[in-house]
Amino acid sequence: MHYFKKYPGRFELAHVKDMNNNEDRRITCVKNGIIDFKRILNMLMMGGTIFHRRNERAIKGIECTKESYNYIEQLLT
């Protein structure tokens, strides 16, 4: 994480994914997994990063995207 402090503004885009806590460690909707997004997003915001959310394995892709977007938006406000 020290790279975000050392090089502010360098990380313009972040591809955001979450990981489940199962043995397979598959991708899940942001908020439903084990990644600490509050800490990560705070660091990224220091550099003015834009967030991109995608889950290529989602069964209900639109719902997952909406849920993930709303969660990230909540953390950023």
PDB file of N, CA and C in Angstrom:
ATOM      1  N   MET A   1       0.809  -1.199   0.000  1.00  0.00           N
ATOM      2  CA  MET A   1       0.000   0.000   0.000  1.00  0.00           C
ATOM      3  C   MET A   1       0.856   1.267   0.000  1.00  0.00           C
ATOM      4  N   HIS A   2       2.094   1.143   0.348  1.00  0.00           N
ATOM      5  CA  HIS A   2       2.912   2.358   0.400  1.00  0.00           C
ATOM      6  C   HIS A   2       3.122   2.962  -0.984  1.00  0.00           C
ATOM      7  N   TYR A   3       2.909   2.191  -2.047  1.00  0.00           N
ATOM      8  CA  TYR A   3       3.039   2.737  -3.403  1.00  0.00           C
ATOM      9  C   TYR A   3       2.005   3.821  -3.671  1.00  0.00           C
ATOM     10  N   PHE A   4       0.819   3.706  -3.092  1.00  0.00           N
ATOM     11  CA  PHE A   4      -0.209   4.719  -3.289  1.00  0.00           C
ATOM     12  C   PHE A   4       0.205   6.044  -2.661  1.00  0.00           C
ATOM     13  N   LYS A   5       0.900   5.979  -1.545  1.00  0.00           N
ATOM     14  CA  LYS A   5       1.404   7.194  -0.910  1.00  0.00           C
ATOM     15  C   LYS A   5       2.624   7.734  -1.644  1.00  0.00           C
ATOM     16  N   LYS A   6       3.487   6.832  -2.072  1.00  0.00           N
ATOM     17  CA  LYS A   6       4.724   7.235  -2.733  1.00  0.00           C
ATOM     18  C   LYS A   6       4.488   7.811  -4.124  1.00  0.00           C
ATOM     19  N   TYR A   7       3.484   7.268  -4.832  1.00  0.00           N
ATOM     20  CA  TYR A   7       3.206   7.693  -6.207  1.00  0.00           C
ATOM     21  C   TYR A   7       1.750   8.133  -6.367  1.00  0.00           C
ATOM     22  N   PRO A   8       1.334   9.199  -5.701  1.00  0.00           N
ATOM     23  CA  PRO A   8      -0.065   9.626  -5.821  1.00  0.00           C
ATOM     24  C   PRO A   8      -0.384  10.038  -7.253  1.00  0.00           C
ATOM     25  N   GLY A   9      -1.553   9.641  -7.714  1.00  0.00           N
ATOM     26  CA  GLY A   9      -1.988   9.979  -9.061  1.00  0.00           C
ATOM     27  C   GLY A   9      -1.532   9.002 -10.130  1.00  0.00           C
ATOM     28  N   ARG A  10      -0.657   8.100  -9.788  1.00  0.00           N
ATOM     29  CA  ARG A  10      -0.124   7.160 -10.776  1.00  0.00           C
ATOM     30  C   ARG A  10      -1.108   6.030 -11.097  1.00  0.00           C
ATOM     31  N   PHE A  11      -1.934   5.676 -10.151  1.00  0.00           N
ATOM     32  CA  PHE A  11      -2.870   4.565 -10.319  1.00  0.00           C
ATOM     33  C   PHE A  11      -4.235   5.140 -10.688  1.00  0.00           C
ATOM     34  N   GLU A  12      -4.464   5.290 -11.991  1.00  0.00           N
ATOM     35  CA  GLU A  12      -5.664   5.965 -12.456  1.00  0.00           C
ATOM     36  C   GLU A  12      -6.890   5.069 -12.500  1.00  0.00           C
ATOM     37  N   LEU A  13      -6.691   3.779 -12.602  1.00  0.00           N
ATOM     38  CA  LEU A  13      -7.804   2.849 -12.758  1.00  0.00           C
ATOM     39  C   LEU A  13      -7.572   1.617 -11.903  1.00  0.00           C
ATOM     40  N   ALA A  14      -8.617   1.171 -11.229  1.00  0.00           N
ATOM     41  CA  ALA A  14      -8.529  -0.052 -10.415  1.00  0.00           C
ATOM     42  C   ALA A  14      -9.623  -1.013 -10.837  1.00  0.00           C
ATOM     43  N   HIS A  15      -9.235  -2.236 -11.128  1.00  0.00           N
ATOM     44  CA  HIS A  15     -10.181  -3.303 -11.465  1.00  0.00           C
ATOM     45  C   HIS A  15     -10.525  -3.989 -10.152  1.00  0.00           C
ATOM     46  N   VAL A  16     -11.754  -3.857  -9.710  1.00  0.00           N
ATOM     47  CA  VAL A  16     -12.157  -4.291  -8.381  1.00  0.00           C
ATOM     48  C   VAL A  16     -12.877  -5.635  -8.452  1.00  0.00           C
ATOM     49  N   LYS A  17     -12.366  -6.616  -7.721  1.00  0.00           N
ATOM     50  CA  LYS A  17     -12.994  -7.934  -7.599  1.00  0.00           C
ATOM     51  C   LYS A  17     -12.949  -8.361  -6.139  1.00  0.00           C
ATOM     52  N   ASP A  18     -13.836  -9.251  -5.777  1.00  0.00           N
ATOM     53  CA  ASP A  18     -13.824  -9.811  -4.433  1.00  0.00           C
ATOM     54  C   ASP A  18     -13.668 -11.330  -4.543  1.00  0.00           C
ATOM     55  N   MET A  19     -13.265 -11.954  -3.455  1.00  0.00           N
ATOM     56  CA  MET A  19     -12.983 -13.388  -3.439  1.00  0.00           C
ATOM     57  C   MET A  19     -13.749 -14.026  -2.287  1.00  0.00           C
ATOM     58  N   ASN A  20     -14.379 -15.177  -2.565  1.00  0.00           N
ATOM     59  CA  ASN A  20     -15.122 -15.839  -1.502  1.00  0.00           C
ATOM     60  C   ASN A  20     -14.165 -16.500  -0.509  1.00  0.00           C
ATOM     61  N   ASN A  21     -14.714 -16.984   0.577  1.00  0.00           N
ATOM     62  CA  ASN A  21     -13.904 -17.595   1.625  1.00  0.00           C
ATOM     63  C   ASN A  21     -13.950 -19.120   1.552  1.00  0.00           C
ATOM     64  N   ASN A  22     -14.366 -19.655   0.416  1.00  0.00           N
ATOM     65  CA  ASN A  22     -14.393 -21.101   0.224  1.00  0.00           C
ATOM     66  C   ASN A  22     -13.009 -21.592  -0.183  1.00  0.00           C
ATOM     67  N   GLU A  23     -12.850 -22.877  -0.195  1.00  0.00           N
ATOM     68  CA  GLU A  23     -11.573 -23.473  -0.590  1.00  0.00           C
ATOM     69  C   GLU A  23     -11.188 -23.104  -2.021  1.00  0.00           C
ATOM     70  N   ASP A  24     -12.175 -22.922  -2.899  1.00  0.00           N
ATOM     71  CA  ASP A  24     -11.885 -22.619  -4.308  1.00  0.00           C
ATOM     72  C   ASP A  24     -11.479 -21.171  -4.551  1.00  0.00           C
ATOM     73  N   ARG A  25     -11.744 -20.259  -3.587  1.00  0.00           N
ATOM     74  CA  ARG A  25     -11.384 -18.838  -3.688  1.00  0.00           C
ATOM     75  C   ARG A  25     -11.897 -18.189  -4.978  1.00  0.00           C
ATOM     76  N   ARG A  26     -13.116 -18.517  -5.354  1.00  0.00           N
ATOM     77  CA  ARG A  26     -13.702 -17.957  -6.578  1.00  0.00           C
ATOM     78  C   ARG A  26     -14.089 -16.489  -6.396  1.00  0.00           C
ATOM     79  N   ILE A  27     -14.262 -15.820  -7.530  1.00  0.00           N
ATOM     80  CA  ILE A  27     -14.692 -14.430  -7.542  1.00  0.00           C
ATOM     81  C   ILE A  27     -16.153 -14.364  -7.102  1.00  0.00           C
ATOM     82  N   THR A  28     -16.475 -13.348  -6.312  1.00  0.00           N
ATOM     83  CA  THR A  28     -17.838 -13.116  -5.864  1.00  0.00           C
ATOM     84  C   THR A  28     -18.138 -11.628  -5.972  1.00  0.00           C
ATOM     85  N   CYS A  29     -19.383 -11.263  -5.751  1.00  0.00           N
ATOM     86  CA  CYS A  29     -19.765  -9.854  -5.790  1.00  0.00           C
ATOM     87  C   CYS A  29     -19.004  -9.104  -4.694  1.00  0.00           C
ATOM     88  N   VAL A  30     -18.594  -7.883  -5.023  1.00  0.00           N
ATOM     89  CA  VAL A  30     -17.926  -7.044  -4.031  1.00  0.00           C
ATOM     90  C   VAL A  30     -18.869  -6.876  -2.855  1.00  0.00           C
ATOM     91  N   LYS A  31     -18.359  -7.051  -1.664  1.00  0.00           N
ATOM     92  CA  LYS A  31     -19.062  -6.995  -0.373  1.00  0.00           C
ATOM     93  C   LYS A  31     -19.358  -8.385   0.150  1.00  0.00           C
ATOM     94  N   ASN A  32     -19.523  -9.368  -0.726  1.00  0.00           N
ATOM     95  CA  ASN A  32     -19.849 -10.719  -0.289  1.00  0.00           C
ATOM     96  C   ASN A  32     -18.621 -11.562  -0.001  1.00  0.00           C
ATOM     97  N   GLY A  33     -17.445 -11.036  -0.245  1.00  0.00           N
ATOM     98  CA  GLY A  33     -16.225 -11.804  -0.082  1.00  0.00           C
ATOM     99  C   GLY A  33     -15.393 -11.377   1.113  1.00  0.00           C
ATOM    100  N   ILE A  34     -14.094 -11.641   1.025  1.00  0.00           N
ATOM    101  CA  ILE A  34     -13.199 -11.447   2.168  1.00  0.00           C
ATOM    102  C   ILE A  34     -12.230 -10.276   2.013  1.00  0.00           C
ATOM    103  N   ILE A  35     -12.290  -9.551   0.896  1.00  0.00           N
ATOM    104  CA  ILE A  35     -11.367  -8.439   0.673  1.00  0.00           C
ATOM    105  C   ILE A  35     -11.795  -7.233   1.504  1.00  0.00           C
ATOM    106  N   ASP A  36     -10.836  -6.562   2.158  1.00  0.00           N
ATOM    107  CA  ASP A  36     -11.106  -5.381   2.979  1.00  0.00           C
ATOM    108  C   ASP A  36     -11.115  -4.144   2.075  1.00  0.00           C
ATOM    109  N   PHE A  37     -12.249  -3.892   1.435  1.00  0.00           N
ATOM    110  CA  PHE A  37     -12.329  -2.795   0.472  1.00  0.00           C
ATOM    111  C   PHE A  37     -12.297  -1.424   1.118  1.00  0.00           C
ATOM    112  N   LYS A  38     -12.754  -1.296   2.324  1.00  0.00           N
ATOM    113  CA  LYS A  38     -12.732   0.021   2.972  1.00  0.00           C
ATOM    114  C   LYS A  38     -11.295   0.541   3.056  1.00  0.00           C
ATOM    115  N   ARG A  39     -10.386  -0.287   3.484  1.00  0.00           N
ATOM    116  CA  ARG A  39      -8.977   0.114   3.598  1.00  0.00           C
ATOM    117  C   ARG A  39      -8.362   0.365   2.224  1.00  0.00           C
ATOM    118  N   ILE A  40      -8.633  -0.518   1.284  1.00  0.00           N
ATOM    119  CA  ILE A  40      -8.047  -0.395  -0.054  1.00  0.00           C
ATOM    120  C   ILE A  40      -8.583   0.842  -0.769  1.00  0.00           C
ATOM    121  N   LEU A  41      -9.892   1.055  -0.712  1.00  0.00           N
ATOM    122  CA  LEU A  41     -10.476   2.203  -1.407  1.00  0.00           C
ATOM    123  C   LEU A  41      -9.996   3.520  -0.824  1.00  0.00           C
ATOM    124  N   ASN A  42      -9.798   3.570   0.475  1.00  0.00           N
ATOM    125  CA  ASN A  42      -9.260   4.795   1.082  1.00  0.00           C
ATOM    126  C   ASN A  42      -7.874   5.111   0.535  1.00  0.00           C
ATOM    127  N   MET A  43      -7.056   4.106   0.364  1.00  0.00           N
ATOM    128  CA  MET A  43      -5.716   4.316  -0.186  1.00  0.00           C
ATOM    129  C   MET A  43      -5.799   4.754  -1.647  1.00  0.00           C
ATOM    130  N   LEU A  44      -6.648   4.112  -2.422  1.00  0.00           N
ATOM    131  CA  LEU A  44      -6.775   4.453  -3.829  1.00  0.00           C
ATOM    132  C   LEU A  44      -7.330   5.857  -4.031  1.00  0.00           C
ATOM    133  N   MET A  45      -8.222   6.285  -3.166  1.00  0.00           N
ATOM    134  CA  MET A  45      -8.815   7.610  -3.299  1.00  0.00           C
ATOM    135  C   MET A  45      -7.782   8.713  -3.146  1.00  0.00           C
ATOM    136  N   MET A  46      -6.727   8.463  -2.405  1.00  0.00           N
ATOM    137  CA  MET A  46      -5.672   9.458  -2.251  1.00  0.00           C
ATOM    138  C   MET A  46      -5.043   9.804  -3.596  1.00  0.00           C
ATOM    139  N   GLY A  47      -5.057   8.852  -4.513  1.00  0.00           N
ATOM    140  CA  GLY A  47      -4.453   9.079  -5.816  1.00  0.00           C
ATOM    141  C   GLY A  47      -5.450   9.406  -6.904  1.00  0.00           C
ATOM    142  N   GLY A  48      -6.728   9.599  -6.558  1.00  0.00           N
ATOM    143  CA  GLY A  48      -7.735   9.938  -7.547  1.00  0.00           C
ATOM    144  C   GLY A  48      -8.078   8.797  -8.491  1.00  0.00           C
ATOM    145  N   THR A  49      -8.085   7.584  -8.000  1.00  0.00           N
ATOM    146  CA  THR A  49      -8.317   6.403  -8.821  1.00  0.00           C
ATOM    147  C   THR A  49      -9.789   6.262  -9.207  1.00  0.00           C
ATOM    148  N   ILE A  50     -10.030   5.834 -10.437  1.00  0.00           N
ATOM    149  CA  ILE A  50     -11.366   5.500 -10.924  1.00  0.00           C
ATOM    150  C   ILE A  50     -11.525   3.992 -10.804  1.00  0.00           C
ATOM    151  N   PHE A  51     -12.705   3.546 -10.386  1.00  0.00           N
ATOM    152  CA  PHE A  51     -12.925   2.128 -10.129  1.00  0.00           C
ATOM    153  C   PHE A  51     -13.711   1.465 -11.243  1.00  0.00           C
ATOM    154  N   HIS A  52     -13.320   0.264 -11.566  1.00  0.00           N
ATOM    155  CA  HIS A  52     -13.983  -0.535 -12.590  1.00  0.00           C
ATOM    156  C   HIS A  52     -14.367  -1.853 -11.944  1.00  0.00           C
ATOM    157  N   ARG A  53     -15.624  -2.246 -12.072  1.00  0.00           N
ATOM    158  CA  ARG A  53     -16.107  -3.479 -11.447  1.00  0.00           C
ATOM    159  C   ARG A  53     -16.589  -4.436 -12.526  1.00  0.00           C
ATOM    160  N   ARG A  54     -16.116  -5.658 -12.482  1.00  0.00           N
ATOM    161  CA  ARG A  54     -16.539  -6.675 -13.429  1.00  0.00           C
ATOM    162  C   ARG A  54     -16.453  -8.035 -12.754  1.00  0.00           C
ATOM    163  N   ASN A  55     -17.419  -8.884 -13.047  1.00  0.00           N
ATOM    164  CA  ASN A  55     -17.377 -10.263 -12.563  1.00  0.00           C
ATOM    165  C   ASN A  55     -17.751 -11.154 -13.729  1.00  0.00           C
ATOM    166  N   GLU A  56     -16.753 -11.685 -14.392  1.00  0.00           N
ATOM    167  CA  GLU A  56     -16.999 -12.486 -15.594  1.00  0.00           C
ATOM    168  C   GLU A  56     -17.617 -13.846 -15.292  1.00  0.00           C
ATOM    169  N   ARG A  57     -17.707 -14.223 -14.033  1.00  0.00           N
ATOM    170  CA  ARG A  57     -18.286 -15.517 -13.677  1.00  0.00           C
ATOM    171  C   ARG A  57     -19.617 -15.400 -12.941  1.00  0.00           C
ATOM    172  N   ALA A  58     -20.187 -14.231 -12.902  1.00  0.00           N
ATOM    173  CA  ALA A  58     -21.430 -14.024 -12.151  1.00  0.00           C
ATOM    174  C   ALA A  58     -22.603 -14.704 -12.828  1.00  0.00           C
ATOM    175  N   ILE A  59     -23.389 -15.399 -12.029  1.00  0.00           N
ATOM    176  CA  ILE A  59     -24.601 -16.034 -12.544  1.00  0.00           C
ATOM    177  C   ILE A  59     -25.668 -14.964 -12.786  1.00  0.00           C
ATOM    178  N   LYS A  60     -25.784 -14.052 -11.878  1.00  0.00           N
ATOM    179  CA  LYS A  60     -26.720 -12.932 -12.017  1.00  0.00           C
ATOM    180  C   LYS A  60     -25.883 -11.661 -12.144  1.00  0.00           C
ATOM    181  N   GLY A  61     -25.281 -11.480 -13.303  1.00  0.00           N
ATOM    182  CA  GLY A  61     -24.304 -10.415 -13.523  1.00  0.00           C
ATOM    183  C   GLY A  61     -24.800  -9.013 -13.259  1.00  0.00           C
ATOM    184  N   ILE A  62     -25.988  -8.674 -13.739  1.00  0.00           N
ATOM    185  CA  ILE A  62     -26.510  -7.318 -13.548  1.00  0.00           C
ATOM    186  C   ILE A  62     -26.756  -7.050 -12.070  1.00  0.00           C
ATOM    187  N   GLU A  63     -27.361  -7.998 -11.375  1.00  0.00           N
ATOM    188  CA  GLU A  63     -27.628  -7.822  -9.945  1.00  0.00           C
ATOM    189  C   GLU A  63     -26.323  -7.707  -9.155  1.00  0.00           C
ATOM    190  N   CYS A  64     -25.351  -8.525  -9.519  1.00  0.00           N
ATOM    191  CA  CYS A  64     -24.048  -8.492  -8.853  1.00  0.00           C
ATOM    192  C   CYS A  64     -23.365  -7.142  -9.078  1.00  0.00           C
ATOM    193  N   THR A  65     -23.426  -6.651 -10.302  1.00  0.00           N
ATOM    194  CA  THR A  65     -22.817  -5.360 -10.619  1.00  0.00           C
ATOM    195  C   THR A  65     -23.483  -4.242  -9.839  1.00  0.00           C
ATOM    196  N   LYS A  66     -24.801  -4.240  -9.779  1.00  0.00           N
ATOM    197  CA  LYS A  66     -25.526  -3.209  -9.019  1.00  0.00           C
ATOM    198  C   LYS A  66     -25.161  -3.266  -7.537  1.00  0.00           C
ATOM    199  N   GLU A  67     -25.152  -4.472  -6.976  1.00  0.00           N
ATOM    200  CA  GLU A  67     -24.817  -4.646  -5.556  1.00  0.00           C
ATOM    201  C   GLU A  67     -23.392  -4.170  -5.277  1.00  0.00           C
ATOM    202  N   SER A  68     -22.470  -4.535  -6.139  1.00  0.00           N
ATOM    203  CA  SER A  68     -21.076  -4.144  -5.973  1.00  0.00           C
ATOM    204  C   SER A  68     -20.923  -2.630  -6.092  1.00  0.00           C
ATOM    205  N   TYR A  69     -21.568  -2.042  -7.085  1.00  0.00           N
ATOM    206  CA  TYR A  69     -21.499  -0.587  -7.287  1.00  0.00           C
ATOM    207  C   TYR A  69     -22.034   0.153  -6.069  1.00  0.00           C
ATOM    208  N   ASN A  70     -23.199  -0.277  -5.585  1.00  0.00           N
ATOM    209  CA  ASN A  70     -23.803   0.389  -4.424  1.00  0.00           C
ATOM    210  C   ASN A  70     -22.903   0.283  -3.194  1.00  0.00           C
ATOM    211  N   TYR A  71     -22.266  -0.847  -3.013  1.00  0.00           N
ATOM    212  CA  TYR A  71     -21.379  -1.019  -1.856  1.00  0.00           C
ATOM    213  C   TYR A  71     -20.154  -0.099  -1.966  1.00  0.00           C
ATOM    214  N   ILE A  72     -19.547  -0.059  -3.132  1.00  0.00           N
ATOM    215  CA  ILE A  72     -18.372   0.804  -3.337  1.00  0.00           C
ATOM    216  C   ILE A  72     -18.766   2.270  -3.168  1.00  0.00           C
ATOM    217  N   GLU A  73     -19.899   2.650  -3.738  1.00  0.00           N
ATOM    218  CA  GLU A  73     -20.375   4.027  -3.599  1.00  0.00           C
ATOM    219  C   GLU A  73     -20.585   4.391  -2.125  1.00  0.00           C
ATOM    220  N   GLN A  74     -21.151   3.458  -1.364  1.00  0.00           N
ATOM    221  CA  GLN A  74     -21.382   3.670   0.073  1.00  0.00           C
ATOM    222  C   GLN A  74     -20.056   3.894   0.808  1.00  0.00           C
ATOM    223  N   LEU A  75     -19.035   3.107   0.461  1.00  0.00           N
ATOM    224  CA  LEU A  75     -17.736   3.264   1.107  1.00  0.00           C
ATOM    225  C   LEU A  75     -17.062   4.581   0.760  1.00  0.00           C
ATOM    226  N   LEU A  76     -17.337   5.105  -0.418  1.00  0.00           N
ATOM    227  CA  LEU A  76     -16.680   6.322  -0.871  1.00  0.00           C
ATOM    228  C   LEU A  76     -17.354   7.590  -0.377  1.00  0.00           C
ATOM    229  N   THR A  77     -18.554   7.478   0.189  1.00  0.00           N
ATOM    230  CA  THR A  77     -19.247   8.686   0.667  1.00  0.00           C
ATOM    231  C   THR A  77     -19.086   8.855   2.141  1.00  0.00           C
TER     232      THR A  77
END
